Amino acid sequence: MPPDREQATIPAHGDGRYMRVGLFGGSFNPVHDGHIQLARRALRQLGLDQVWFLVSPGNPLKPVAGMAPMAERLAGVRARIHSVRQRRLVATDIEARLGTRYTFDTLRRLKRLFPHVRFVWLMGADGLAQMGRWRRWQDIVSMVPFAVLPRPGYNPAALHGRVARRLACWRLPARAARLLPMCAPPAWVFLPAPQNAISATQIRASRAACGHERE
């Protein structure tokens, strides 16, 4: 499927599809191999039918300065997915079309629009470490189960942080990860995986340095 055709697969008016879907939200400024590896691992270990890359129109916790235009970031994710020939990964601007910016609002709308879909929220350990700052995070973990993948430098803070401690009794062992999409929330799992230290911040800094050298 060509990259410019993938948007139509997730209609903002919803539908009656039945499937298990991982929701991977982020700015993807820019998308990189670590994002793709996380999504592909989630497909396998959680038994998902698809992973939707929710390209954010604007993350409230990230500065506006240095943020590439929405269309550029979306095109970048679509191109990267197309290059790995993985049709079960889908890039979408549905948050922009729904007019949502906060995870809670996005999840509430998606659950109404796709009532038969079993959603799982996907994030790196850095996301879990910061989750206590998210708007209505207690409600979020009661809406969908979530899966966390390791990220160098963030794992101890994530697994011993406030959110993980509060939800410790609802953590599934990694060997039971394929049960997660069918679990009633709150439920979560930490998936051991090879760690990728690459970050969008490092990529932007490297690109800026290269541009300065060429001047």
C-alpha atoms as a PDB file:
ATOM      1  CA  MET A   1       0.000   0.000   0.000  1.00  0.00           C
ATOM      2  CA  PRO A   2       1.529   3.364  -0.978  1.00  0.00           C
ATOM      3  CA  PRO A   3       2.350   5.662   1.979  1.00  0.00           C
ATOM      4  CA  ASP A   4      -0.155   8.317   0.872  1.00  0.00           C
ATOM      5  CA  ARG A   5      -3.041   5.799   0.956  1.00  0.00           C
ATOM      6  CA  GLU A   6      -2.680   4.625   4.566  1.00  0.00           C
ATOM      7  CA  GLN A   7      -4.574   7.516   6.169  1.00  0.00           C
ATOM      8  CA  ALA A   8      -7.883   6.280   4.710  1.00  0.00           C
ATOM      9  CA  THR A   9      -7.636   2.992   6.653  1.00  0.00           C
ATOM     10  CA  ILE A  10      -8.596   4.709   9.946  1.00  0.00           C
ATOM     11  CA  PRO A  11     -11.793   6.709   9.403  1.00  0.00           C
ATOM     12  CA  ALA A  12     -12.526   9.483  11.888  1.00  0.00           C
ATOM     13  CA  HIS A  13     -16.211   8.482  11.829  1.00  0.00           C
ATOM     14  CA  GLY A  14     -15.326   5.034  13.178  1.00  0.00           C
ATOM     15  CA  ASP A  15     -16.448   1.570  12.105  1.00  0.00           C
ATOM     16  CA  GLY A  16     -17.291  -1.872  13.424  1.00  0.00           C
ATOM     17  CA  ARG A  17     -13.964  -3.643  12.923  1.00  0.00           C
ATOM     18  CA  TYR A  18     -12.935  -6.413  15.331  1.00  0.00           C
ATOM     19  CA  MET A  19      -9.215  -6.543  16.052  1.00  0.00           C
ATOM     20  CA  ARG A  20      -6.452  -6.037  18.609  1.00  0.00           C
ATOM     21  CA  VAL A  21      -4.698  -2.727  18.061  1.00  0.00           C
ATOM     22  CA  GLY A  22      -1.644  -1.190  19.673  1.00  0.00           C
ATOM     23  CA  LEU A  23      -1.773   2.604  19.935  1.00  0.00           C
ATOM     24  CA  PHE A  24       1.648   4.211  19.668  1.00  0.00           C
ATOM     25  CA  GLY A  25       1.359   7.934  20.267  1.00  0.00           C
ATOM     26  CA  GLY A  26       4.128  10.465  19.793  1.00  0.00           C
ATOM     27  CA  SER A  27       5.529  13.438  17.957  1.00  0.00           C
ATOM     28  CA  PHE A  28       7.858  11.264  15.825  1.00  0.00           C
ATOM     29  CA  ASN A  29      10.070  14.296  15.286  1.00  0.00           C
ATOM     30  CA  PRO A  30      11.508  12.435  13.429  1.00  0.00           C
ATOM     31  CA  VAL A  31      10.564   8.763  13.382  1.00  0.00           C
ATOM     32  CA  HIS A  32      13.541   6.410  13.756  1.00  0.00           C
ATOM     33  CA  ASP A  33      14.469   2.720  13.922  1.00  0.00           C
ATOM     34  CA  GLY A  34      13.707   2.532  17.644  1.00  0.00           C
ATOM     35  CA  HIS A  35      10.062   3.431  16.989  1.00  0.00           C
ATOM     36  CA  ILE A  36       9.730   0.786  14.292  1.00  0.00           C
ATOM     37  CA  GLN A  37      11.430  -1.866  16.426  1.00  0.00           C
ATOM     38  CA  LEU A  38       9.077  -1.135  19.344  1.00  0.00           C
ATOM     39  CA  ALA A  39       6.015  -1.433  17.130  1.00  0.00           C
ATOM     40  CA  ARG A  40       7.128  -4.660  15.449  1.00  0.00           C
ATOM     41  CA  ARG A  41       8.000  -6.246  18.779  1.00  0.00           C
ATOM     42  CA  ALA A  42       4.590  -5.274  20.158  1.00  0.00           C
ATOM     43  CA  LEU A  43       2.911  -6.945  17.165  1.00  0.00           C
ATOM     44  CA  ARG A  44       4.694 -10.202  17.910  1.00  0.00           C
ATOM     45  CA  GLN A  45       4.731 -10.329  21.693  1.00  0.00           C
ATOM     46  CA  LEU A  46       1.222  -9.018  22.299  1.00  0.00           C
ATOM     47  CA  GLY A  47      -0.417 -10.847  19.403  1.00  0.00           C
ATOM     48  CA  LEU A  48      -1.724  -7.619  17.867  1.00  0.00           C
ATOM     49  CA  ASP A  49      -3.407  -7.304  14.492  1.00  0.00           C
ATOM     50  CA  GLN A  50      -2.137  -3.757  13.904  1.00  0.00           C
ATOM     51  CA  VAL A  51      -0.173  -0.926  15.481  1.00  0.00           C
ATOM     52  CA  TRP A  52      -1.421   2.599  14.814  1.00  0.00           C
ATOM     53  CA  PHE A  53       1.195   5.355  14.940  1.00  0.00           C
ATOM     54  CA  LEU A  54      -0.795   8.302  16.318  1.00  0.00           C
ATOM     55  CA  VAL A  55       1.246  11.211  14.995  1.00  0.00           C
ATOM     56  CA  SER A  56       0.492  14.013  17.431  1.00  0.00           C
ATOM     57  CA  PRO A  57      -0.501  17.466  16.148  1.00  0.00           C
ATOM     58  CA  GLY A  58       1.233  18.856  19.236  1.00  0.00           C
ATOM     59  CA  ASN A  59       2.431  17.115  22.407  1.00  0.00           C
ATOM     60  CA  PRO A  60       1.485  19.307  25.396  1.00  0.00           C
ATOM     61  CA  LEU A  61       4.608  18.131  27.249  1.00  0.00           C
ATOM     62  CA  LYS A  62       7.051  19.013  24.469  1.00  0.00           C
ATOM     63  CA  PRO A  63       8.253  22.455  23.351  1.00  0.00           C
ATOM     64  CA  VAL A  64       6.960  23.919  20.095  1.00  0.00           C
ATOM     65  CA  ALA A  65      10.415  25.112  19.104  1.00  0.00           C
ATOM     66  CA  GLY A  66      12.106  22.601  16.819  1.00  0.00           C
ATOM     67  CA  MET A  67       8.888  20.720  16.068  1.00  0.00           C
ATOM     68  CA  ALA A  68       8.568  19.875  12.376  1.00  0.00           C
ATOM     69  CA  PRO A  69       5.199  20.495  10.689  1.00  0.00           C
ATOM     70  CA  MET A  70       2.571  17.827  11.225  1.00  0.00           C
ATOM     71  CA  ALA A  71       2.450  16.888   7.529  1.00  0.00           C
ATOM     72  CA  GLU A  72       6.217  16.377   7.434  1.00  0.00           C
ATOM     73  CA  ARG A  73       6.249  14.133  10.496  1.00  0.00           C
ATOM     74  CA  LEU A  74       3.296  12.085   9.243  1.00  0.00           C
ATOM     75  CA  ALA A  75       4.909  11.640   5.829  1.00  0.00           C
ATOM     76  CA  GLY A  76       8.121  10.536   7.530  1.00  0.00           C
ATOM     77  CA  VAL A  77       6.371   7.810   9.514  1.00  0.00           C
ATOM     78  CA  ARG A  78       4.484   6.584   6.452  1.00  0.00           C
ATOM     79  CA  ALA A  79       7.660   6.445   4.394  1.00  0.00           C
ATOM     80  CA  ARG A  80       9.538   4.515   7.097  1.00  0.00           C
ATOM     81  CA  ILE A  81       6.696   2.009   7.475  1.00  0.00           C
ATOM     82  CA  HIS A  82       6.524   1.594   3.693  1.00  0.00           C
ATOM     83  CA  SER A  83      10.268   0.943   3.569  1.00  0.00           C
ATOM     84  CA  VAL A  84      10.016  -2.001   5.985  1.00  0.00           C
ATOM     85  CA  ARG A  85       7.035  -3.470   4.092  1.00  0.00           C
ATOM     86  CA  GLN A  86       4.975  -4.047   7.203  1.00  0.00           C
ATOM     87  CA  ARG A  87       1.309  -3.505   6.372  1.00  0.00           C
ATOM     88  CA  ARG A  88       0.210  -4.088   9.952  1.00  0.00           C
ATOM     89  CA  LEU A  89       1.891  -0.821  10.946  1.00  0.00           C
ATOM     90  CA  VAL A  90      -0.304   2.158  10.112  1.00  0.00           C
ATOM     91  CA  ALA A  91       0.512   5.876  10.403  1.00  0.00           C
ATOM     92  CA  THR A  92      -2.431   8.180  11.014  1.00  0.00           C
ATOM     93  CA  ASP A  93      -3.304  11.803  11.692  1.00  0.00           C
ATOM     94  CA  ILE A  94      -6.566  10.834  13.371  1.00  0.00           C
ATOM     95  CA  GLU A  95      -5.777  12.935  16.460  1.00  0.00           C
ATOM     96  CA  ALA A  96      -5.593  16.039  14.276  1.00  0.00           C
ATOM     97  CA  ARG A  97      -8.841  15.104  12.546  1.00  0.00           C
ATOM     98  CA  LEU A  98     -10.580  14.444  15.863  1.00  0.00           C
ATOM     99  CA  GLY A  99      -9.165  17.640  17.363  1.00  0.00           C
ATOM    100  CA  THR A 100      -7.635  15.879  20.404  1.00  0.00           C
ATOM    101  CA  ARG A 101      -4.255  16.612  21.962  1.00  0.00           C
ATOM    102  CA  TYR A 102      -4.370  14.757  25.271  1.00  0.00           C
ATOM    103  CA  THR A 103      -4.147  10.975  25.494  1.00  0.00           C
ATOM    104  CA  PHE A 104      -7.249  10.747  27.678  1.00  0.00           C
ATOM    105  CA  ASP A 105      -9.376  12.581  25.119  1.00  0.00           C
ATOM    106  CA  THR A 106      -7.976  10.556  22.220  1.00  0.00           C
ATOM    107  CA  LEU A 107      -8.657   7.249  23.936  1.00  0.00           C
ATOM    108  CA  ARG A 108     -12.181   8.256  24.901  1.00  0.00           C
ATOM    109  CA  ARG A 109     -12.999   9.132  21.291  1.00  0.00           C
ATOM    110  CA  LEU A 110     -11.340   6.066  19.792  1.00  0.00           C
ATOM    111  CA  LYS A 111     -13.141   3.689  22.147  1.00  0.00           C
ATOM    112  CA  ARG A 112     -16.454   5.213  21.114  1.00  0.00           C
ATOM    113  CA  LEU A 113     -15.634   5.184  17.402  1.00  0.00           C
ATOM    114  CA  PHE A 114     -14.279   1.618  17.368  1.00  0.00           C
ATOM    115  CA  PRO A 115     -16.335  -0.152  20.054  1.00  0.00           C
ATOM    116  CA  HIS A 116     -15.208  -3.671  19.108  1.00  0.00           C
ATOM    117  CA  VAL A 117     -11.465  -2.982  18.969  1.00  0.00           C
ATOM    118  CA  ARG A 118      -9.272  -4.176  21.829  1.00  0.00           C
ATOM    119  CA  PHE A 119      -6.830  -1.299  22.267  1.00  0.00           C
ATOM    120  CA  VAL A 120      -3.448  -1.481  24.016  1.00  0.00           C
ATOM    121  CA  TRP A 121      -1.409   1.646  24.675  1.00  0.00           C
ATOM    122  CA  LEU A 122       2.280   1.260  23.730  1.00  0.00           C
ATOM    123  CA  MET A 123       5.165   3.286  25.099  1.00  0.00           C
ATOM    124  CA  GLY A 124       8.809   3.221  26.006  1.00  0.00           C
ATOM    125  CA  ALA A 125      10.048   3.265  29.595  1.00  0.00           C
ATOM    126  CA  ASP A 126      10.548   7.029  29.278  1.00  0.00           C
ATOM    127  CA  GLY A 127       6.780   7.359  28.815  1.00  0.00           C
ATOM    128  CA  LEU A 128       6.027   5.378  31.969  1.00  0.00           C
ATOM    129  CA  ALA A 129       8.557   7.433  33.923  1.00  0.00           C
ATOM    130  CA  GLN A 130       6.724  10.625  32.889  1.00  0.00           C
ATOM    131  CA  MET A 131       3.183   9.275  33.001  1.00  0.00           C
ATOM    132  CA  GLY A 132       2.446  10.875  36.354  1.00  0.00           C
ATOM    133  CA  ARG A 133       2.529  14.233  34.546  1.00  0.00           C
ATOM    134  CA  TRP A 134      -0.089  13.208  31.988  1.00  0.00           C
ATOM    135  CA  ARG A 135      -3.535  14.738  32.187  1.00  0.00           C
ATOM    136  CA  ARG A 136      -5.899  12.324  33.984  1.00  0.00           C
ATOM    137  CA  TRP A 137      -3.392   9.486  33.944  1.00  0.00           C
ATOM    138  CA  GLN A 138      -5.405   7.567  36.545  1.00  0.00           C
ATOM    139  CA  ASP A 139      -8.348   7.533  34.145  1.00  0.00           C
ATOM    140  CA  ILE A 140      -6.120   6.524  31.227  1.00  0.00           C
ATOM    141  CA  VAL A 141      -4.900   3.351  32.941  1.00  0.00           C
ATOM    142  CA  SER A 142      -8.528   2.478  33.704  1.00  0.00           C
ATOM    143  CA  MET A 143      -9.478   2.804  30.029  1.00  0.00           C
ATOM    144  CA  VAL A 144      -6.958   0.555  28.263  1.00  0.00           C
ATOM    145  CA  PRO A 145      -4.208  -1.900  29.192  1.00  0.00           C
ATOM    146  CA  PHE A 146      -0.695  -0.744  28.332  1.00  0.00           C
ATOM    147  CA  ALA A 147       2.644  -2.245  27.418  1.00  0.00           C
ATOM    148  CA  VAL A 148       6.037  -0.744  28.218  1.00  0.00           C
ATOM    149  CA  LEU A 149       9.270  -1.511  26.381  1.00  0.00           C
ATOM    150  CA  PRO A 150      12.728  -0.765  27.785  1.00  0.00           C
ATOM    151  CA  ARG A 151      14.630   2.412  27.006  1.00  0.00           C
ATOM    152  CA  PRO A 152      18.258   2.948  28.073  1.00  0.00           C
ATOM    153  CA  GLY A 153      18.547   5.303  31.015  1.00  0.00           C
ATOM    154  CA  TYR A 154      14.836   5.238  31.899  1.00  0.00           C
ATOM    155  CA  ASN A 155      14.071   1.692  33.021  1.00  0.00           C
ATOM    156  CA  PRO A 156      14.855   2.002  36.768  1.00  0.00           C
ATOM    157  CA  ALA A 157      12.984   5.306  37.053  1.00  0.00           C
ATOM    158  CA  ALA A 158      10.021   3.836  35.177  1.00  0.00           C
ATOM    159  CA  LEU A 159       9.746   0.546  37.062  1.00  0.00           C
ATOM    160  CA  HIS A 160      10.277   2.122  40.481  1.00  0.00           C
ATOM    161  CA  GLY A 161       8.400   5.350  39.832  1.00  0.00           C
ATOM    162  CA  ARG A 162       5.089   6.545  41.242  1.00  0.00           C
ATOM    163  CA  VAL A 163       2.863   5.137  38.488  1.00  0.00           C
ATOM    164  CA  ALA A 164       4.507   1.687  38.447  1.00  0.00           C
ATOM    165  CA  ARG A 165       4.295   1.448  42.242  1.00  0.00           C
ATOM    166  CA  ARG A 166       0.617   2.415  42.229  1.00  0.00           C
ATOM    167  CA  LEU A 167      -0.149  -0.214  39.577  1.00  0.00           C
ATOM    168  CA  ALA A 168       2.185  -2.970  40.780  1.00  0.00           C
ATOM    169  CA  CYS A 169      -0.625  -5.417  41.597  1.00  0.00           C
ATOM    170  CA  TRP A 170      -1.972  -5.175  38.016  1.00  0.00           C
ATOM    171  CA  ARG A 171       1.327  -5.931  36.289  1.00  0.00           C
ATOM    172  CA  LEU A 172       1.350  -9.108  34.183  1.00  0.00           C
ATOM    173  CA  PRO A 173       4.489 -11.235  33.840  1.00  0.00           C
ATOM    174  CA  ALA A 174       6.141 -10.905  30.438  1.00  0.00           C
ATOM    175  CA  ARG A 175       5.341 -14.555  29.655  1.00  0.00           C
ATOM    176  CA  ALA A 176       1.628 -13.644  29.754  1.00  0.00           C
ATOM    177  CA  ALA A 177       1.986 -10.676  27.370  1.00  0.00           C
ATOM    178  CA  ARG A 178      -0.315 -12.154  24.709  1.00  0.00           C
ATOM    179  CA  LEU A 179      -3.177 -12.057  27.215  1.00  0.00           C
ATOM    180  CA  LEU A 180      -2.880  -8.289  27.673  1.00  0.00           C
ATOM    181  CA  PRO A 181      -5.207  -7.159  24.836  1.00  0.00           C
ATOM    182  CA  MET A 182      -8.024  -9.214  26.375  1.00  0.00           C
ATOM    183  CA  CYS A 183      -7.451  -8.013  29.935  1.00  0.00           C
ATOM    184  CA  ALA A 184      -9.795  -5.554  31.585  1.00  0.00           C
ATOM    185  CA  PRO A 185      -7.847  -2.472  32.661  1.00  0.00           C
ATOM    186  CA  PRO A 186      -5.968  -1.623  34.721  1.00  0.00           C
ATOM    187  CA  ALA A 187      -3.433  -4.101  33.377  1.00  0.00           C
ATOM    188  CA  TRP A 188       0.082  -3.668  32.065  1.00  0.00           C
ATOM    189  CA  VAL A 189       3.243  -5.503  31.150  1.00  0.00           C
ATOM    190  CA  PHE A 190       6.930  -4.660  30.819  1.00  0.00           C
ATOM    191  CA  LEU A 191       8.369  -6.420  27.766  1.00  0.00           C
ATOM    192  CA  PRO A 192      12.085  -7.238  27.958  1.00  0.00           C
ATOM    193  CA  ALA A 193      13.704  -6.429  24.636  1.00  0.00           C
ATOM    194  CA  PRO A 194      17.000  -5.367  23.049  1.00  0.00           C
ATOM    195  CA  GLN A 195      17.458  -1.708  23.882  1.00  0.00           C
ATOM    196  CA  ASN A 196      17.932   0.997  21.283  1.00  0.00           C
ATOM    197  CA  ALA A 197      19.547   4.186  22.576  1.00  0.00           C
ATOM    198  CA  ILE A 198      18.710   6.278  19.518  1.00  0.00           C
ATOM    199  CA  SER A 199      16.428   9.256  20.128  1.00  0.00           C
ATOM    200  CA  ALA A 200      14.695  11.867  18.009  1.00  0.00           C
ATOM    201  CA  THR A 201      16.518  14.569  19.980  1.00  0.00           C
ATOM    202  CA  GLN A 202      19.894  13.112  19.011  1.00  0.00           C
ATOM    203  CA  ILE A 203      18.858  12.855  15.367  1.00  0.00           C
ATOM    204  CA  ARG A 204      17.759  16.501  15.278  1.00  0.00           C
ATOM    205  CA  ALA A 205      20.992  17.595  16.957  1.00  0.00           C
ATOM    206  CA  SER A 206      23.060  15.593  14.468  1.00  0.00           C
ATOM    207  CA  ARG A 207      21.178  17.062  11.520  1.00  0.00           C
ATOM    208  CA  ALA A 208      21.638  20.568  12.886  1.00  0.00           C
ATOM    209  CA  ALA A 209      25.377  19.982  13.356  1.00  0.00           C
ATOM    210  CA  CYS A 210      25.740  18.646   9.813  1.00  0.00           C
ATOM    211  CA  GLY A 211      23.876  21.625   8.433  1.00  0.00           C
ATOM    212  CA  HIS A 212      26.122  24.021  10.356  1.00  0.00           C
ATOM    213  CA  GLU A 213      29.261  22.300   9.006  1.00  0.00           C
ATOM    214  CA  ARG A 214      28.065  22.748   5.422  1.00  0.00           C
ATOM    215  CA  GLU A 215      27.513  26.486   5.857  1.00  0.00           C
END
